[in-house]
Amino acid sequence: MTRFVSRKSLALAVVVLAASAVAPAMAEEKAGVTPIPRLGFCSYFNGEGEYVTEVFEGSIAWEIGLEPDDVIVAVNGYRLNHDGAWYRAMRRAVLQGYARLAIVDCRTGYIVHRTVHFGHGHGPHSTP
């Protein structure tokens, strides 16, 4: 069966999807929930951790050497073993002042650790 979709309904679907991605972050800020910092990469939960799909040049993620196909498996020892674990772990990390990321390196398969510090009013920054 062929289903026809008008341009108007397709555009509406795109707007709804975009709004659904932004709305939770805005709702969290209004509700007083600690927003998580943006480190400059895109990812999704793949069953093992946060699978990195894209890293933005010049970002914190880029500075610490994160690459597409890396998998972040833990933050400050908190295992990322379910969808949504990244957000919970990063909220905790912000309160602790740093995030120590355990990353399965896509090139070697080994786990490497990288640390990002959250300064007061200075935004996230990495350490060597």
PDB file of N, CA and C in Angstrom:
ATOM      1  N   MET A   1       0.843  -1.164   0.000  1.00  0.00           N
ATOM      2  CA  MET A   1       0.000   0.000   0.000  1.00  0.00           C
ATOM      3  C   MET A   1       0.894   1.235   0.000  1.00  0.00           C
ATOM      4  N   THR A   2       0.604   2.178  -0.873  1.00  0.00           N
ATOM      5  CA  THR A   2       1.363   3.408  -0.967  1.00  0.00           C
ATOM      6  C   THR A   2       0.693   4.466  -0.119  1.00  0.00           C
ATOM      7  N   ARG A   3       1.502   5.197   0.617  1.00  0.00           N
ATOM      8  CA  ARG A   3       0.968   6.251   1.472  1.00  0.00           C
ATOM      9  C   ARG A   3       1.538   7.585   1.006  1.00  0.00           C
ATOM     10  N   PHE A   4       0.671   8.529   0.745  1.00  0.00           N
ATOM     11  CA  PHE A   4       1.105   9.836   0.277  1.00  0.00           C
ATOM     12  C   PHE A   4       1.165  10.799   1.456  1.00  0.00           C
ATOM     13  N   VAL A   5       2.259  11.554   1.535  1.00  0.00           N
ATOM     14  CA  VAL A   5       2.447  12.523   2.609  1.00  0.00           C
ATOM     15  C   VAL A   5       2.655  13.888   1.970  1.00  0.00           C
ATOM     16  N   SER A   6       1.910  14.859   2.407  1.00  0.00           N
ATOM     17  CA  SER A   6       2.057  16.205   1.846  1.00  0.00           C
ATOM     18  C   SER A   6       3.311  16.859   2.421  1.00  0.00           C
ATOM     19  N   ARG A   7       3.794  17.868   1.737  1.00  0.00           N
ATOM     20  CA  ARG A   7       4.966  18.610   2.209  1.00  0.00           C
ATOM     21  C   ARG A   7       4.680  19.289   3.539  1.00  0.00           C
ATOM     22  N   LYS A   8       3.458  19.774   3.684  1.00  0.00           N
ATOM     23  CA  LYS A   8       3.080  20.466   4.912  1.00  0.00           C
ATOM     24  C   LYS A   8       3.139  19.509   6.111  1.00  0.00           C
ATOM     25  N   SER A   9       2.618  18.288   5.957  1.00  0.00           N
ATOM     26  CA  SER A   9       2.647  17.343   7.079  1.00  0.00           C
ATOM     27  C   SER A   9       4.057  16.854   7.341  1.00  0.00           C
ATOM     28  N   LEU A  10       4.875  16.739   6.284  1.00  0.00           N
ATOM     29  CA  LEU A  10       6.266  16.344   6.470  1.00  0.00           C
ATOM     30  C   LEU A  10       7.027  17.431   7.230  1.00  0.00           C
ATOM     31  N   ALA A  11       6.803  18.696   6.866  1.00  0.00           N
ATOM     32  CA  ALA A  11       7.445  19.808   7.565  1.00  0.00           C
ATOM     33  C   ALA A  11       7.005  19.852   9.022  1.00  0.00           C
ATOM     34  N   LEU A  12       5.734  19.594   9.276  1.00  0.00           N
ATOM     35  CA  LEU A  12       5.232  19.569  10.643  1.00  0.00           C
ATOM     36  C   LEU A  12       5.899  18.458  11.445  1.00  0.00           C
ATOM     37  N   ALA A  13       6.097  17.295  10.833  1.00  0.00           N
ATOM     38  CA  ALA A  13       6.752  16.180  11.517  1.00  0.00           C
ATOM     39  C   ALA A  13       8.179  16.536  11.887  1.00  0.00           C
ATOM     40  N   VAL A  14       8.891  17.228  10.991  1.00  0.00           N
ATOM     41  CA  VAL A  14      10.268  17.642  11.277  1.00  0.00           C
ATOM     42  C   VAL A  14      10.296  18.623  12.435  1.00  0.00           C
ATOM     43  N   VAL A  15       9.369  19.586  12.457  1.00  0.00           N
ATOM     44  CA  VAL A  15       9.301  20.565  13.537  1.00  0.00           C
ATOM     45  C   VAL A  15       9.000  19.876  14.863  1.00  0.00           C
ATOM     46  N   VAL A  16       8.081  18.922  14.861  1.00  0.00           N
ATOM     47  CA  VAL A  16       7.731  18.199  16.086  1.00  0.00           C
ATOM     48  C   VAL A  16       8.928  17.410  16.596  1.00  0.00           C
ATOM     49  N   LEU A  17       9.645  16.743  15.692  1.00  0.00           N
ATOM     50  CA  LEU A  17      10.839  15.993  16.115  1.00  0.00           C
ATOM     51  C   LEU A  17      11.899  16.914  16.681  1.00  0.00           C
ATOM     52  N   ALA A  18      12.130  18.042  16.044  1.00  0.00           N
ATOM     53  CA  ALA A  18      13.119  18.999  16.542  1.00  0.00           C
ATOM     54  C   ALA A  18      12.703  19.539  17.903  1.00  0.00           C
ATOM     55  N   ALA A  19      11.434  19.858  18.066  1.00  0.00           N
ATOM     56  CA  ALA A  19      10.943  20.382  19.345  1.00  0.00           C
ATOM     57  C   ALA A  19      11.050  19.337  20.444  1.00  0.00           C
ATOM     58  N   SER A  20      10.807  18.076  20.101  1.00  0.00           N
ATOM     59  CA  SER A  20      10.886  17.033  21.122  1.00  0.00           C
ATOM     60  C   SER A  20      12.314  16.822  21.585  1.00  0.00           C
ATOM     61  N   ALA A  21      13.296  17.148  20.740  1.00  0.00           N
ATOM     62  CA  ALA A  21      14.691  17.017  21.135  1.00  0.00           C
ATOM     63  C   ALA A  21      15.122  18.172  22.039  1.00  0.00           C
ATOM     64  N   VAL A  22      14.535  19.361  21.846  1.00  0.00           N
ATOM     65  CA  VAL A  22      14.915  20.544  22.612  1.00  0.00           C
ATOM     66  C   VAL A  22      14.088  20.685  23.878  1.00  0.00           C
ATOM     67  N   ALA A  23      12.843  20.284  23.838  1.00  0.00           N
ATOM     68  CA  ALA A  23      11.924  20.492  24.963  1.00  0.00           C
ATOM     69  C   ALA A  23      12.407  19.904  26.281  1.00  0.00           C
ATOM     70  N   PRO A  24      12.957  18.668  26.332  1.00  0.00           N
ATOM     71  CA  PRO A  24      13.397  18.147  27.623  1.00  0.00           C
ATOM     72  C   PRO A  24      14.468  19.013  28.284  1.00  0.00           C
ATOM     73  N   ALA A  25      15.418  19.529  27.503  1.00  0.00           N
ATOM     74  CA  ALA A  25      16.471  20.366  28.081  1.00  0.00           C
ATOM     75  C   ALA A  25      15.885  21.660  28.629  1.00  0.00           C
ATOM     76  N   MET A  26      14.948  22.259  27.901  1.00  0.00           N
ATOM     77  CA  MET A  26      14.324  23.490  28.375  1.00  0.00           C
ATOM     78  C   MET A  26      13.488  23.227  29.621  1.00  0.00           C
ATOM     79  N   ALA A  27      12.781  22.107  29.646  1.00  0.00           N
ATOM     80  CA  ALA A  27      11.962  21.763  30.805  1.00  0.00           C
ATOM     81  C   ALA A  27      12.830  21.515  32.027  1.00  0.00           C
ATOM     82  N   GLU A  28      13.993  20.887  31.831  1.00  0.00           N
ATOM     83  CA  GLU A  28      14.899  20.632  32.949  1.00  0.00           C
ATOM     84  C   GLU A  28      15.380  21.934  33.564  1.00  0.00           C
ATOM     85  N   GLU A  29      15.748  22.907  32.721  1.00  0.00           N
ATOM     86  CA  GLU A  29      16.221  24.179  33.245  1.00  0.00           C
ATOM     87  C   GLU A  29      15.133  24.876  34.042  1.00  0.00           C
ATOM     88  N   LYS A  30      13.905  24.846  33.556  1.00  0.00           N
ATOM     89  CA  LYS A  30      12.798  25.485  34.265  1.00  0.00           C
ATOM     90  C   LYS A  30      12.490  24.759  35.571  1.00  0.00           C
ATOM     91  N   ALA A  31      12.673  23.432  35.598  1.00  0.00           N
ATOM     92  CA  ALA A  31      12.359  22.643  36.782  1.00  0.00           C
ATOM     93  C   ALA A  31      13.490  22.677  37.814  1.00  0.00           C
ATOM     94  N   GLY A  32      14.591  23.330  37.481  1.00  0.00           N
ATOM     95  CA  GLY A  32      15.702  23.419  38.420  1.00  0.00           C
ATOM     96  C   GLY A  32      16.644  22.224  38.381  1.00  0.00           C
ATOM     97  N   VAL A  33      16.520  21.378  37.368  1.00  0.00           N
ATOM     98  CA  VAL A  33      17.410  20.237  37.214  1.00  0.00           C
ATOM     99  C   VAL A  33      18.713  20.733  36.606  1.00  0.00           C
ATOM    100  N   THR A  34      19.833  20.225  37.090  1.00  0.00           N
ATOM    101  CA  THR A  34      21.130  20.637  36.585  1.00  0.00           C
ATOM    102  C   THR A  34      21.267  20.268  35.110  1.00  0.00           C
ATOM    103  N   PRO A  35      21.408  21.260  34.218  1.00  0.00           N
ATOM    104  CA  PRO A  35      21.592  20.939  32.802  1.00  0.00           C
ATOM    105  C   PRO A  35      23.000  20.381  32.585  1.00  0.00           C
ATOM    106  N   ILE A  36      23.138  19.482  31.630  1.00  0.00           N
ATOM    107  CA  ILE A  36      24.462  18.920  31.377  1.00  0.00           C
ATOM    108  C   ILE A  36      25.185  19.785  30.353  1.00  0.00           C
ATOM    109  N   PRO A  37      26.499  19.909  30.494  1.00  0.00           N
ATOM    110  CA  PRO A  37      27.261  20.729  29.542  1.00  0.00           C
ATOM    111  C   PRO A  37      27.362  20.035  28.185  1.00  0.00           C
ATOM    112  N   ARG A  38      27.490  20.806  27.169  1.00  0.00           N
ATOM    113  CA  ARG A  38      27.688  20.291  25.818  1.00  0.00           C
ATOM    114  C   ARG A  38      29.199  20.170  25.592  1.00  0.00           C
ATOM    115  N   LEU A  39      29.644  18.971  25.278  1.00  0.00           N
ATOM    116  CA  LEU A  39      31.077  18.740  25.085  1.00  0.00           C
ATOM    117  C   LEU A  39      31.482  18.779  23.616  1.00  0.00           C
ATOM    118  N   GLY A  40      30.493  18.815  22.704  1.00  0.00           N
ATOM    119  CA  GLY A  40      30.824  18.958  21.294  1.00  0.00           C
ATOM    120  C   GLY A  40      30.864  17.663  20.512  1.00  0.00           C
ATOM    121  N   PHE A  41      29.947  16.752  20.813  1.00  0.00           N
ATOM    122  CA  PHE A  41      29.855  15.534  20.013  1.00  0.00           C
ATOM    123  C   PHE A  41      28.417  15.048  19.989  1.00  0.00           C
ATOM    124  N   CYS A  42      28.133  14.181  19.018  1.00  0.00           N
ATOM    125  CA  CYS A  42      26.820  13.544  18.902  1.00  0.00           C
ATOM    126  C   CYS A  42      26.986  12.067  19.214  1.00  0.00           C
ATOM    127  N   SER A  43      25.987  11.492  19.874  1.00  0.00           N
ATOM    128  CA  SER A  43      26.084  10.077  20.243  1.00  0.00           C
ATOM    129  C   SER A  43      24.701   9.506  20.467  1.00  0.00           C
ATOM    130  N   TYR A  44      24.660   8.196  20.627  1.00  0.00           N
ATOM    131  CA  TYR A  44      23.435   7.503  21.017  1.00  0.00           C
ATOM    132  C   TYR A  44      23.817   6.264  21.811  1.00  0.00           C
ATOM    133  N   PHE A  45      22.898   5.782  22.635  1.00  0.00           N
ATOM    134  CA  PHE A  45      23.148   4.577  23.430  1.00  0.00           C
ATOM    135  C   PHE A  45      23.038   3.362  22.511  1.00  0.00           C
ATOM    136  N   ASN A  46      24.092   2.537  22.491  1.00  0.00           N
ATOM    137  CA  ASN A  46      24.113   1.380  21.590  1.00  0.00           C
ATOM    138  C   ASN A  46      24.071   0.038  22.313  1.00  0.00           C
ATOM    139  N   GLY A  47      23.770   0.050  23.608  1.00  0.00           N
ATOM    140  CA  GLY A  47      23.741  -1.193  24.373  1.00  0.00           C
ATOM    141  C   GLY A  47      25.003  -1.402  25.193  1.00  0.00           C
ATOM    142  N   GLU A  48      26.091  -0.757  24.788  1.00  0.00           N
ATOM    143  CA  GLU A  48      27.370  -0.854  25.515  1.00  0.00           C
ATOM    144  C   GLU A  48      27.739   0.451  26.199  1.00  0.00           C
ATOM    145  N   GLY A  49      27.218   1.555  25.682  1.00  0.00           N
ATOM    146  CA  GLY A  49      27.546   2.878  26.190  1.00  0.00           C
ATOM    147  C   GLY A  49      27.094   3.911  25.184  1.00  0.00           C
ATOM    148  N   GLU A  50      27.657   5.114  25.270  1.00  0.00           N
ATOM    149  CA  GLU A  50      27.322   6.179  24.321  1.00  0.00           C
ATOM    150  C   GLU A  50      28.247   6.062  23.114  1.00  0.00           C
ATOM    151  N   TYR A  51      27.668   5.663  21.986  1.00  0.00           N
ATOM    152  CA  TYR A  51      28.404   5.492  20.736  1.00  0.00           C
ATOM    153  C   TYR A  51      28.532   6.854  20.067  1.00  0.00           C
ATOM    154  N   VAL A  52      29.771   7.293  19.850  1.00  0.00           N
ATOM    155  CA  VAL A  52      30.036   8.617  19.286  1.00  0.00           C
ATOM    156  C   VAL A  52      29.914   8.563  17.768  1.00  0.00           C
ATOM    157  N   THR A  53      29.048   9.419  17.226  1.00  0.00           N
ATOM    158  CA  THR A  53      28.843   9.455  15.777  1.00  0.00           C
ATOM    159  C   THR A  53      29.536  10.638  15.111  1.00  0.00           C
ATOM    160  N   GLU A  54      29.729  11.727  15.864  1.00  0.00           N
ATOM    161  CA  GLU A  54      30.329  12.925  15.293  1.00  0.00           C
ATOM    162  C   GLU A  54      31.008  13.730  16.396  1.00  0.00           C
ATOM    163  N   VAL A  55      32.168  14.317  16.070  1.00  0.00           N
ATOM    164  CA  VAL A  55      32.886  15.182  16.999  1.00  0.00           C
ATOM    165  C   VAL A  55      33.136  16.506  16.286  1.00  0.00           C
ATOM    166  N   PHE A  56      32.813  17.608  16.938  1.00  0.00           N
ATOM    167  CA  PHE A  56      32.952  18.922  16.324  1.00  0.00           C
ATOM    168  C   PHE A  56      34.350  19.483  16.570  1.00  0.00           C
ATOM    169  N   GLU A  57      34.990  19.882  15.482  1.00  0.00           N
ATOM    170  CA  GLU A  57      36.354  20.405  15.561  1.00  0.00           C
ATOM    171  C   GLU A  57      36.415  21.616  16.484  1.00  0.00           C
ATOM    172  N   GLY A  58      37.432  21.638  17.341  1.00  0.00           N
ATOM    173  CA  GLY A  58      37.627  22.741  18.281  1.00  0.00           C
ATOM    174  C   GLY A  58      36.864  22.591  19.584  1.00  0.00           C
ATOM    175  N   SER A  59      36.039  21.564  19.709  1.00  0.00           N
ATOM    176  CA  SER A  59      35.240  21.358  20.921  1.00  0.00           C
ATOM    177  C   SER A  59      36.070  20.669  22.006  1.00  0.00           C
ATOM    178  N   ILE A  60      35.500  20.580  23.184  1.00  0.00           N
ATOM    179  CA  ILE A  60      36.144  19.861  24.282  1.00  0.00           C
ATOM    180  C   ILE A  60      36.366  18.399  23.886  1.00  0.00           C
ATOM    181  N   ALA A  61      35.351  17.782  23.273  1.00  0.00           N
ATOM    182  CA  ALA A  61      35.476  16.388  22.840  1.00  0.00           C
ATOM    183  C   ALA A  61      36.639  16.223  21.867  1.00  0.00           C
ATOM    184  N   TRP A  62      36.789  17.162  20.970  1.00  0.00           N
ATOM    185  CA  TRP A  62      37.880  17.136  19.995  1.00  0.00           C
ATOM    186  C   TRP A  62      39.222  17.292  20.719  1.00  0.00           C
ATOM    187  N   GLU A  63      39.281  18.196  21.704  1.00  0.00           N
ATOM    188  CA  GLU A  63      40.522  18.428  22.464  1.00  0.00           C
ATOM    189  C   GLU A  63      40.990  17.183  23.213  1.00  0.00           C
ATOM    190  N   ILE A  64      40.035  16.402  23.743  1.00  0.00           N
ATOM    191  CA  ILE A  64      40.440  15.211  24.514  1.00  0.00           C
ATOM    192  C   ILE A  64      40.663  13.989  23.617  1.00  0.00           C
ATOM    193  N   GLY A  65      40.467  14.161  22.304  1.00  0.00           N
ATOM    194  CA  GLY A  65      40.766  13.094  21.368  1.00  0.00           C
ATOM    195  C   GLY A  65      39.628  12.140  21.071  1.00  0.00           C
ATOM    196  N   LEU A  66      38.409  12.519  21.425  1.00  0.00           N
ATOM    197  CA  LEU A  66      37.256  11.683  21.113  1.00  0.00           C
ATOM    198  C   LEU A  66      37.078  11.627  19.600  1.00  0.00           C
ATOM    199  N   GLU A  67      36.749  10.447  19.083  1.00  0.00           N
ATOM    200  CA  GLU A  67      36.582  10.261  17.641  1.00  0.00           C
ATOM    201  C   GLU A  67      35.274   9.533  17.352  1.00  0.00           C
ATOM    202  N   PRO A  68      34.728   9.724  16.150  1.00  0.00           N
ATOM    203  CA  PRO A  68      33.575   8.921  15.769  1.00  0.00           C
ATOM    204  C   PRO A  68      33.913   7.434  15.883  1.00  0.00           C
ATOM    205  N   ASP A  69      32.971   6.641  16.324  1.00  0.00           N
ATOM    206  CA  ASP A  69      33.082   5.197  16.567  1.00  0.00           C
ATOM    207  C   ASP A  69      33.657   4.858  17.944  1.00  0.00           C
ATOM    208  N   ASP A  70      34.137   5.846  18.723  1.00  0.00           N
ATOM    209  CA  ASP A  70      34.502   5.590  20.119  1.00  0.00           C
ATOM    210  C   ASP A  70      33.221   5.321  20.893  1.00  0.00           C
ATOM    211  N   VAL A  71      33.341   4.613  22.012  1.00  0.00           N
ATOM    212  CA  VAL A  71      32.185   4.348  22.867  1.00  0.00           C
ATOM    213  C   VAL A  71      32.545   4.763  24.293  1.00  0.00           C
ATOM    214  N   ILE A  72      31.775   5.696  24.852  1.00  0.00           N
ATOM    215  CA  ILE A  72      31.973   6.112  26.243  1.00  0.00           C
ATOM    216  C   ILE A  72      31.202   5.115  27.099  1.00  0.00           C
ATOM    217  N   VAL A  73      31.911   4.366  27.951  1.00  0.00           N
ATOM    218  CA  VAL A  73      31.269   3.302  28.722  1.00  0.00           C
ATOM    219  C   VAL A  73      31.034   3.668  30.185  1.00  0.00           C
ATOM    220  N   ALA A  74      31.689   4.728  30.681  1.00  0.00           N
ATOM    221  CA  ALA A  74      31.487   5.128  32.077  1.00  0.00           C
ATOM    222  C   ALA A  74      31.873   6.589  32.270  1.00  0.00           C
ATOM    223  N   VAL A  75      31.255   7.215  33.259  1.00  0.00           N
ATOM    224  CA  VAL A  75      31.582   8.584  33.674  1.00  0.00           C
ATOM    225  C   VAL A  75      31.764   8.547  35.181  1.00  0.00           C
ATOM    226  N   ASN A  76      32.964   8.891  35.647  1.00  0.00           N
ATOM    227  CA  ASN A  76      33.298   8.869  37.075  1.00  0.00           C
ATOM    228  C   ASN A  76      32.952   7.523  37.714  1.00  0.00           C
ATOM    229  N   GLY A  77      33.175   6.454  36.979  1.00  0.00           N
ATOM    230  CA  GLY A  77      32.912   5.112  37.494  1.00  0.00           C
ATOM    231  C   GLY A  77      31.472   4.658  37.352  1.00  0.00           C
ATOM    232  N   TYR A  78      30.589   5.543  36.925  1.00  0.00           N
ATOM    233  CA  TYR A  78      29.175   5.209  36.738  1.00  0.00           C
ATOM    234  C   TYR A  78      29.018   4.600  35.354  1.00  0.00           C
ATOM    235  N   ARG A  79      28.696   3.320  35.307  1.00  0.00           N
ATOM    236  CA  ARG A  79      28.585   2.581  34.041  1.00  0.00           C
ATOM    237  C   ARG A  79      27.376   3.052  33.241  1.00  0.00           C
ATOM    238  N   LEU A  80      27.585   3.291  31.961  1.00  0.00           N
ATOM    239  CA  LEU A  80      26.507   3.727  31.071  1.00  0.00           C
ATOM    240  C   LEU A  80      25.867   2.484  30.461  1.00  0.00           C
ATOM    241  N   ASN A  81      24.963   1.869  31.224  1.00  0.00           N
ATOM    242  CA  ASN A  81      24.405   0.580  30.813  1.00  0.00           C
ATOM    243  C   ASN A  81      22.931   0.630  30.446  1.00  0.00           C
ATOM    244  N   HIS A  82      22.379   1.829  30.288  1.00  0.00           N
ATOM    245  CA  HIS A  82      20.997   1.950  29.823  1.00  0.00           C
ATOM    246  C   HIS A  82      20.800   3.313  29.164  1.00  0.00           C
ATOM    247  N   ASP A  83      19.772   3.397  28.353  1.00  0.00           N
ATOM    248  CA  ASP A  83      19.455   4.646  27.681  1.00  0.00           C
ATOM    249  C   ASP A  83      19.111   5.688  28.743  1.00  0.00           C
ATOM    250  N   GLY A  84      19.740   6.829  28.675  1.00  0.00           N
ATOM    251  CA  GLY A  84      19.518   7.883  29.670  1.00  0.00           C
ATOM    252  C   GLY A  84      20.597   7.932  30.735  1.00  0.00           C
ATOM    253  N   ALA A  85      21.443   6.915  30.804  1.00  0.00           N
ATOM    254  CA  ALA A  85      22.503   6.883  31.814  1.00  0.00           C
ATOM    255  C   ALA A  85      23.505   8.024  31.609  1.00  0.00           C
ATOM    256  N   TRP A  86      23.743   8.400  30.355  1.00  0.00           N
ATOM    257  CA  TRP A  86      24.676   9.492  30.065  1.00  0.00           C
ATOM    258  C   TRP A  86      24.232  10.769  30.763  1.00  0.00           C
ATOM    259  N   TYR A  87      22.947  11.097  30.664  1.00  0.00           N
ATOM    260  CA  TYR A  87      22.441  12.335  31.266  1.00  0.00           C
ATOM    261  C   TYR A  87      22.529  12.295  32.788  1.00  0.00           C
ATOM    262  N   ARG A  88      22.186  11.170  33.380  1.00  0.00           N
ATOM    263  CA  ARG A  88      22.282  11.028  34.832  1.00  0.00           C
ATOM    264  C   ARG A  88      23.741  11.142  35.292  1.00  0.00           C
ATOM    265  N   ALA A  89      24.633  10.466  34.587  1.00  0.00           N
ATOM    266  CA  ALA A  89      26.054  10.485  34.958  1.00  0.00           C
ATOM    267  C   ALA A  89      26.647  11.884  34.814  1.00  0.00           C
ATOM    268  N   MET A  90      26.268  12.588  33.754  1.00  0.00           N
ATOM    269  CA  MET A  90      26.817  13.929  33.548  1.00  0.00           C
ATOM    270  C   MET A  90      26.255  14.932  34.553  1.00  0.00           C
ATOM    271  N   ARG A  91      25.015  14.770  34.972  1.00  0.00           N
ATOM    272  CA  ARG A  91      24.478  15.652  36.025  1.00  0.00           C
ATOM    273  C   ARG A  91      25.273  15.463  37.318  1.00  0.00           C
ATOM    274  N   ARG A  92      25.560  14.207  37.642  1.00  0.00           N
ATOM    275  CA  ARG A  92      26.385  13.928  38.833  1.00  0.00           C
ATOM    276  C   ARG A  92      27.786  14.525  38.671  1.00  0.00           C
ATOM    277  N   ALA A  93      28.346  14.377  37.474  1.00  0.00           N
ATOM    278  CA  ALA A  93      29.702  14.879  37.221  1.00  0.00           C
ATOM    279  C   ALA A  93      29.780  16.389  37.379  1.00  0.00           C
ATOM    280  N   VAL A  94      28.762  17.094  36.917  1.00  0.00           N
ATOM    281  CA  VAL A  94      28.750  18.552  37.064  1.00  0.00           C
ATOM    282  C   VAL A  94      28.788  18.926  38.537  1.00  0.00           C
ATOM    283  N   LEU A  95      28.034  18.231  39.359  1.00  0.00           N
ATOM    284  CA  LEU A  95      28.035  18.503  40.798  1.00  0.00           C
ATOM    285  C   LEU A  95      29.379  18.169  41.433  1.00  0.00           C
ATOM    286  N   GLN A  96      30.085  17.175  40.879  1.00  0.00           N
ATOM    287  CA  GLN A  96      31.403  16.795  41.383  1.00  0.00           C
ATOM    288  C   GLN A  96      32.505  17.703  40.849  1.00  0.00           C
ATOM    289  N   GLY A  97      32.222  18.443  39.772  1.00  0.00           N
ATOM    290  CA  GLY A  97      33.201  19.371  39.219  1.00  0.00           C
ATOM    291  C   GLY A  97      34.055  18.804  38.099  1.00  0.00           C
ATOM    292  N   TYR A  98      33.891  17.541  37.787  1.00  0.00           N
ATOM    293  CA  TYR A  98      34.681  16.937  36.709  1.00  0.00           C
ATOM    294  C   TYR A  98      33.982  15.685  36.193  1.00  0.00           C
ATOM    295  N   ALA A  99      34.382  15.273  34.995  1.00  0.00           N
ATOM    296  CA  ALA A  99      33.900  14.016  34.419  1.00  0.00           C
ATOM    297  C   ALA A  99      35.111  13.234  33.930  1.00  0.00           C
ATOM    298  N   ARG A 100      35.335  12.074  34.525  1.00  0.00           N
ATOM    299  CA  ARG A 100      36.395  11.179  34.057  1.00  0.00           C
ATOM    300  C   ARG A 100      35.722  10.149  33.162  1.00  0.00           C
ATOM    301  N   LEU A 101      35.961  10.264  31.861  1.00  0.00           N
ATOM    302  CA  LEU A 101      35.311   9.420  30.872  1.00  0.00           C
ATOM    303  C   LEU A 101      36.133   8.171  30.602  1.00  0.00           C
ATOM    304  N   ALA A 102      35.512   7.005  30.685  1.00  0.00           N
ATOM    305  CA  ALA A 102      36.129   5.748  30.262  1.00  0.00           C
ATOM    306  C   ALA A 102      35.640   5.502  28.846  1.00  0.00           C
ATOM    307  N   ILE A 103      36.572   5.464  27.903  1.00  0.00           N
ATOM    308  CA  ILE A 103      36.236   5.422  26.478  1.00  0.00           C
ATOM    309  C   ILE A 103      36.887   4.200  25.839  1.00  0.00           C
ATOM    310  N   VAL A 104      36.089   3.414  25.109  1.00  0.00           N
ATOM    311  CA  VAL A 104      36.666   2.340  24.307  1.00  0.00           C
ATOM    312  C   VAL A 104      37.140   2.993  23.012  1.00  0.00           C
ATOM    313  N   ASP A 105      38.467   3.047  22.839  1.00  0.00           N
ATOM    314  CA  ASP A 105      39.084   3.678  21.680  1.00  0.00           C
ATOM    315  C   ASP A 105      38.795   2.843  20.434  1.00  0.00           C
ATOM    316  N   CYS A 106      38.215   3.471  19.421  1.00  0.00           N
ATOM    317  CA  CYS A 106      37.837   2.742  18.200  1.00  0.00           C
ATOM    318  C   CYS A 106      39.045   2.224  17.439  1.00  0.00           C
ATOM    319  N   ARG A 107      40.199   2.838  17.599  1.00  0.00           N
ATOM    320  CA  ARG A 107      41.394   2.416  16.856  1.00  0.00           C
ATOM    321  C   ARG A 107      42.074   1.210  17.483  1.00  0.00           C
ATOM    322  N   THR A 108      42.077   1.161  18.825  1.00  0.00           N
ATOM    323  CA  THR A 108      42.824   0.097  19.508  1.00  0.00           C
ATOM    324  C   THR A 108      41.935  -0.921  20.207  1.00  0.00           C
ATOM    325  N   GLY A 109      40.716  -0.524  20.561  1.00  0.00           N
ATOM    326  CA  GLY A 109      39.839  -1.401  21.331  1.00  0.00           C
ATOM    327  C   GLY A 109      40.116  -1.344  22.823  1.00  0.00           C
ATOM    328  N   TYR A 110      41.134  -0.586  23.225  1.00  0.00           N
ATOM    329  CA  TYR A 110      41.467  -0.444  24.638  1.00  0.00           C
ATOM    330  C   TYR A 110      40.645   0.662  25.282  1.00  0.00           C
ATOM    331  N   ILE A 111      40.464   0.555  26.594  1.00  0.00           N
ATOM    332  CA  ILE A 111      39.791   1.619  27.336  1.00  0.00           C
ATOM    333  C   ILE A 111      40.817   2.682  27.703  1.00  0.00           C
ATOM    334  N   VAL A 112      40.492   3.922  27.364  1.00  0.00           N
ATOM    335  CA  VAL A 112      41.328   5.061  27.738  1.00  0.00           C
ATOM    336  C   VAL A 112      40.488   5.968  28.628  1.00  0.00           C
ATOM    337  N   HIS A 113      41.151   6.766  29.431  1.00  0.00           N
ATOM    338  CA  HIS A 113      40.440   7.690  30.331  1.00  0.00           C
ATOM    339  C   HIS A 113      40.821   9.124  29.984  1.00  0.00           C
ATOM    340  N   ARG A 114      39.825   9.969  29.932  1.00  0.00           N
ATOM    341  CA  ARG A 114      40.015  11.394  29.697  1.00  0.00           C
ATOM    342  C   ARG A 114      39.171  12.156  30.707  1.00  0.00           C
ATOM    343  N   THR A 115      39.712  13.276  31.189  1.00  0.00           N
ATOM    344  CA  THR A 115      39.015  14.052  32.216  1.00  0.00           C
ATOM    345  C   THR A 115      38.648  15.433  31.701  1.00  0.00           C
ATOM    346  N   VAL A 116      37.419  15.827  31.992  1.00  0.00           N
ATOM    347  CA  VAL A 116      36.919  17.165  31.673  1.00  0.00           C
ATOM    348  C   VAL A 116      36.532  17.813  32.996  1.00  0.00           C
ATOM    349  N   HIS A 117      37.011  19.042  33.219  1.00  0.00           N
ATOM    350  CA  HIS A 117      36.694  19.776  34.450  1.00  0.00           C
ATOM    351  C   HIS A 117      35.635  20.822  34.148  1.00  0.00           C
ATOM    352  N   PHE A 118      34.749  21.025  35.103  1.00  0.00           N
ATOM    353  CA  PHE A 118      33.698  22.018  34.970  1.00  0.00           C
ATOM    354  C   PHE A 118      34.012  23.150  35.940  1.00  0.00           C
ATOM    355  N   GLY A 119      34.545  24.252  35.407  1.00  0.00           N
ATOM    356  CA  GLY A 119      34.911  25.393  36.234  1.00  0.00           C
ATOM    357  C   GLY A 119      33.703  26.241  36.561  1.00  0.00           C
ATOM    358  N   HIS A 120      33.801  26.977  37.617  1.00  0.00           N
ATOM    359  CA  HIS A 120      32.710  27.861  38.024  1.00  0.00           C
ATOM    360  C   HIS A 120      32.690  29.082  37.114  1.00  0.00           C
ATOM    361  N   GLY A 121      31.720  29.117  36.216  1.00  0.00           N
ATOM    362  CA  GLY A 121      31.571  30.249  35.315  1.00  0.00           C
ATOM    363  C   GLY A 121      32.507  30.236  34.125  1.00  0.00           C
ATOM    364  N   HIS A 122      33.386  29.235  34.024  1.00  0.00           N
ATOM    365  CA  HIS A 122      34.354  29.198  32.928  1.00  0.00           C
ATOM    366  C   HIS A 122      34.004  28.141  31.893  1.00  0.00           C
ATOM    367  N   GLY A 123      33.012  27.319  32.149  1.00  0.00           N
ATOM    368  CA  GLY A 123      32.642  26.264  31.208  1.00  0.00           C
ATOM    369  C   GLY A 123      33.584  25.077  31.317  1.00  0.00           C
ATOM    370  N   PRO A 124      33.301  24.017  30.593  1.00  0.00           N
ATOM    371  CA  PRO A 124      34.131  22.825  30.674  1.00  0.00           C
ATOM    372  C   PRO A 124      35.488  23.039  30.013  1.00  0.00           C
ATOM    373  N   HIS A 125      36.506  22.400  30.561  1.00  0.00           N
ATOM    374  CA  HIS A 125      37.835  22.403  29.946  1.00  0.00           C
ATOM    375  C   HIS A 125      38.507  21.081  30.247  1.00  0.00           C
ATOM    376  N   SER A 126      39.442  20.698  29.408  1.00  0.00           N
ATOM    377  CA  SER A 126      40.090  19.395  29.559  1.00  0.00           C
ATOM    378  C   SER A 126      41.441  19.552  30.220  1.00  0.00           C
ATOM    379  N   THR A 127      41.957  18.422  30.714  1.00  0.00           N
ATOM    380  CA  THR A 127      43.303  18.390  31.259  1.00  0.00           C
ATOM    381  C   THR A 127      44.092  17.338  30.502  1.00  0.00           C
ATOM    382  N   PRO A 128      45.387  17.543  30.372  1.00  0.00           N
ATOM    383  CA  PRO A 128      46.202  16.558  29.631  1.00  0.00           C
ATOM    384  C   PRO A 128      46.297  15.241  30.343  1.00  0.00           C
TER     385      PRO A 128
END
